[in-house]
């Protein structure tokens, strides 16, 4: 049951990060919450599989920090990659004039 809670927390963190980091015009509304939820759930499942107690504080901390790190990575890297890809596409479609 705790995996549901940590997944919702990860999605909530992703929703907040979306509005704190500039560049949100490059990705959709649900991307960061989905990434945060997936990262926290995956981290939780892996840590439980490794034998960490699900009622301990460290599994919560590590899982939530994994979701936060994944959200920050996507929010910081994706706008730069998307802008570069858009510039290349514009250059190709304009025949090199732009």
Protein backbone atom coordinates (compact mmCIF):
# COMPACT_ATOMS: atom_id res chain seq x y z
CA UNK A 1 0.00 0.00 0.00
CA UNK A 2 2.88 2.36 0.70
CA UNK A 3 3.99 2.18 -2.93
CA UNK A 4 0.74 3.94 -3.86
CA UNK A 5 1.50 6.77 -1.44
CA UNK A 6 5.07 7.24 -2.63
CA UNK A 7 3.90 7.16 -6.26
CA UNK A 8 1.34 9.91 -5.62
CA UNK A 9 3.97 11.96 -3.81
CA UNK A 10 6.32 11.53 -6.78
CA UNK A 11 3.61 12.70 -9.17
CA UNK A 12 2.90 15.70 -6.95
CA UNK A 13 6.55 16.67 -6.89
CA UNK A 14 6.62 16.44 -10.68
CA UNK A 15 3.62 18.74 -10.87
CA UNK A 16 5.33 21.32 -8.67
CA UNK A 17 8.67 21.08 -10.51
CA UNK A 18 6.85 21.83 -13.78
CA UNK A 19 6.06 25.32 -12.55
CA UNK A 20 9.38 25.99 -10.80
CA UNK A 21 11.75 25.26 -13.68
CA UNK A 22 11.55 27.43 -16.82
CA UNK A 23 11.06 25.79 -20.21
CA UNK A 24 7.71 24.10 -19.63
CA UNK A 25 6.57 25.09 -23.12
CA UNK A 26 8.72 22.23 -24.42
CA UNK A 27 6.75 19.39 -22.88
CA UNK A 28 3.20 18.50 -21.92
CA UNK A 29 1.36 18.96 -18.67
CA UNK A 30 1.54 15.34 -17.55
CA UNK A 31 5.14 14.50 -18.46
CA UNK A 32 6.88 15.49 -15.22
CA UNK A 33 4.22 14.00 -12.92
CA UNK A 34 4.43 10.76 -14.91
CA UNK A 35 8.23 10.71 -14.74
CA UNK A 36 8.17 11.45 -11.01
CA UNK A 37 5.58 8.76 -10.33
CA UNK A 38 7.45 6.18 -12.40
CA UNK A 39 10.82 6.96 -10.83
CA UNK A 40 9.56 6.85 -7.25
CA UNK A 41 7.63 3.64 -7.85
CA UNK A 42 10.60 1.99 -9.55
CA UNK A 43 12.99 3.06 -6.80
CA UNK A 44 10.57 1.83 -4.12
CA UNK A 45 10.11 -1.54 -5.82
CA UNK A 46 13.84 -2.04 -6.29
CA UNK A 47 14.61 -1.10 -2.69
CA UNK A 48 11.92 -3.43 -1.33
CA UNK A 49 13.29 -6.18 -3.55
CA UNK A 50 16.75 -5.52 -2.09
CA UNK A 51 15.34 -6.04 1.38
CA UNK A 52 14.84 -2.52 2.68
CA UNK A 53 11.96 -2.40 5.19
CA UNK A 54 8.94 -0.66 3.70
CA UNK A 55 8.15 1.05 7.01
CA UNK A 56 11.61 2.60 7.36
CA UNK A 57 12.41 6.23 6.74
CA UNK A 58 15.31 5.68 4.36
CA UNK A 59 13.25 3.94 1.70
CA UNK A 60 10.90 6.93 1.64
CA UNK A 61 13.79 9.38 1.43
CA UNK A 62 15.65 7.54 -1.33
CA UNK A 63 12.51 6.89 -3.37
CA UNK A 64 11.33 10.50 -3.23
CA UNK A 65 14.81 11.80 -4.02
CA UNK A 66 14.97 9.45 -7.03
CA UNK A 67 11.71 10.94 -8.32
CA UNK A 68 12.96 14.46 -7.69
CA UNK A 69 16.23 13.76 -9.51
CA UNK A 70 14.42 12.26 -12.49
CA UNK A 71 12.06 15.24 -12.67
CA UNK A 72 14.90 17.74 -12.48
CA UNK A 73 16.87 15.91 -15.15
CA UNK A 74 13.93 15.87 -17.56
CA UNK A 75 12.96 19.48 -16.81
CA UNK A 76 16.49 20.76 -17.37
CA UNK A 77 17.60 18.62 -20.33
CA UNK A 78 14.44 18.29 -22.42
CA UNK A 79 13.96 22.00 -23.31
CA UNK A 80 17.54 22.28 -24.60
CA UNK A 81 17.27 19.10 -26.64
CA UNK A 82 13.88 20.10 -27.99
CA UNK A 83 15.06 23.59 -28.98
CA UNK A 84 18.08 22.14 -30.80
CA UNK A 85 15.89 19.61 -32.63
CA UNK A 86 13.41 22.34 -33.59
CA UNK A 87 16.22 24.52 -34.93
CA UNK A 88 17.59 21.64 -37.02
CA UNK A 89 14.14 20.86 -38.38
CA UNK A 90 13.52 24.51 -39.28
CA UNK A 91 16.88 24.68 -41.05
CA UNK A 92 16.12 21.52 -43.04
CA UNK A 93 12.56 22.52 -43.91
CA UNK A 94 13.54 26.03 -45.00
CA UNK A 95 16.20 24.70 -47.34
CA UNK A 96 19.00 26.28 -45.33
CA UNK A 97 17.65 29.82 -45.57
CA UNK A 98 16.86 30.07 -41.86
